[in-house]
C-alpha cells in the first residue's frame, strides 16, 4: 500500500508515540488536577467550631486564655450549643475588641 523506507516508518512510529504520550499526559493532568480541590474549598476551612472545641483547642485561639476558654465551655454546658457567634458577647471577658479579634477564627455550625 505505502512504499515507505525504514527511516520513514521510524519517524512515523516516533510521531505516533509522541502523540499517544501527549494524550496520556493530558488525560492524567485533567483527572488528577488540583482544580478539583480548589472547587471544593470550604469557607470555614482553618476555623475552629465553637461548639466542638475542647479546652486546649480554645486556648490555642489568639486572644483566648485558659480562664476565658473555661468560661466558653461552661456557657456551652449551661446553655447548649452556640447558635450564633454573637452569643460569645454574653460571656464575661469578651468585649467588643476581643470579639472582633476572634470572630474570624471561629464558626458555629
Protein backbone atom coordinates (compact mmCIF):
# COMPACT_ATOMS: atom_id res chain seq x y z
CA UNK A 1 0.00 0.00 0.00
CA UNK A 2 2.58 2.55 1.13
CA UNK A 3 6.12 2.22 -0.02
CA UNK A 4 7.98 3.69 2.94
CA UNK A 5 11.60 3.39 3.76
CA UNK A 6 12.77 2.08 7.10
CA UNK A 7 13.68 5.60 8.22
CA UNK A 8 10.22 6.97 7.27
CA UNK A 9 8.49 4.18 9.21
CA UNK A 10 10.63 5.00 12.25
CA UNK A 11 9.72 8.70 12.02
CA UNK A 12 6.01 7.88 11.75
CA UNK A 13 6.25 5.46 14.68
CA UNK A 14 8.06 8.13 16.71
CA UNK A 15 5.38 10.74 15.93
CA UNK A 16 2.59 8.33 16.88
CA UNK A 17 4.30 7.50 20.17
CA UNK A 18 4.77 11.21 20.96
CA UNK A 19 1.09 11.87 20.20
CA UNK A 20 -0.05 8.98 22.41
CA UNK A 21 2.23 10.12 25.23
CA UNK A 22 0.77 13.64 24.96
CA UNK A 23 -2.77 12.29 25.09
CA UNK A 24 -1.89 10.22 28.16
CA UNK A 25 -0.35 13.19 29.95
CA UNK A 26 -3.35 15.35 29.07
CA UNK A 27 -5.76 12.73 30.41
CA UNK A 28 -3.83 12.28 33.66
CA UNK A 29 -3.45 16.01 34.24
CA UNK A 30 -7.20 16.51 33.91
CA UNK A 31 -8.01 13.52 36.11
CA UNK A 32 -5.65 14.47 38.93
CA UNK A 33 -5.84 18.23 38.63
CA UNK A 34 -5.64 20.39 41.77
CA UNK A 35 -8.53 22.47 40.44
CA UNK A 36 -10.97 19.93 41.86
CA UNK A 37 -9.58 20.57 45.32
CA UNK A 38 -9.92 24.32 44.94
CA UNK A 39 -13.51 23.94 43.73
CA UNK A 40 -14.39 22.19 46.99
CA UNK A 41 -12.99 24.97 49.19
CA UNK A 42 -14.83 25.37 52.45
CA UNK A 43 -15.24 28.94 53.68
CA UNK A 44 -14.74 27.72 57.27
CA UNK A 45 -11.52 25.89 56.44
CA UNK A 46 -8.96 26.53 59.16
CA UNK A 47 -11.53 27.89 61.58
CA UNK A 48 -12.49 26.24 64.84
CA UNK A 49 -16.03 25.03 65.52
CA UNK A 50 -17.01 26.76 68.74
CA UNK A 51 -19.50 24.03 69.64
CA UNK A 52 -16.99 21.18 69.37
CA UNK A 53 -13.75 22.75 70.56
CA UNK A 54 -12.24 21.43 73.78
CA UNK A 55 -10.28 23.48 76.33
CA UNK A 56 -6.89 23.05 74.65
CA UNK A 57 -8.25 23.99 71.24
CA UNK A 58 -9.90 27.13 72.59
CA UNK A 59 -6.71 28.13 74.38
CA UNK A 60 -4.92 27.84 71.04
CA UNK A 61 -7.01 30.66 69.60
CA UNK A 62 -5.21 34.01 69.75
CA UNK A 63 -6.94 36.18 72.33
CA UNK A 64 -8.41 33.34 74.42
CA UNK A 65 -6.65 32.28 77.58
CA UNK A 66 -7.32 29.38 79.91
CA UNK A 67 -9.93 31.16 82.05
CA UNK A 68 -11.86 32.51 79.09
CA UNK A 69 -11.76 29.11 77.38
CA UNK A 70 -13.20 27.54 80.51
CA UNK A 71 -15.96 30.19 80.62
CA UNK A 72 -16.86 29.37 77.00
CA UNK A 73 -17.12 25.67 77.81
CA UNK A 74 -19.14 26.38 80.96
CA UNK A 75 -21.51 28.61 78.99
CA UNK A 76 -21.91 25.88 76.36
CA UNK A 77 -22.69 23.29 79.04
CA UNK A 78 -25.24 25.54 80.74
CA UNK A 79 -26.97 26.89 77.62
CA UNK A 80 -26.37 24.29 74.92
CA UNK A 81 -24.58 24.85 71.65
CA UNK A 82 -23.96 28.33 70.36
CA UNK A 83 -26.44 29.28 67.65
CA UNK A 84 -24.55 32.40 66.53
CA UNK A 85 -21.15 33.91 67.14
CA UNK A 86 -22.87 36.90 68.72
CA UNK A 87 -23.67 34.76 71.78
CA UNK A 88 -20.00 34.99 72.72
CA UNK A 89 -20.62 38.58 73.82
CA UNK A 90 -22.67 37.21 76.76
CA UNK A 91 -19.56 35.64 78.27
CA UNK A 92 -17.64 37.64 80.84
CA UNK A 93 -14.34 38.79 79.39
CA UNK A 94 -15.45 39.03 75.79
CA UNK A 95 -15.77 42.70 75.00
CA UNK A 96 -16.13 44.23 71.53
CA UNK A 97 -12.37 44.35 70.95
CA UNK A 98 -11.83 40.69 71.84
CA UNK A 99 -14.89 39.60 69.88
CA UNK A 100 -13.66 41.38 66.76
CA UNK A 101 -10.24 39.78 67.23
CA UNK A 102 -11.51 36.19 67.42
CA UNK A 103 -14.67 36.16 65.28
CA UNK A 104 -12.76 35.37 62.07
CA UNK A 105 -11.00 32.39 63.70
CA UNK A 106 -14.14 30.51 64.79
CA UNK A 107 -17.53 29.44 63.50
CA UNK A 108 -20.69 27.80 64.77
CA UNK A 109 -22.46 25.00 62.97
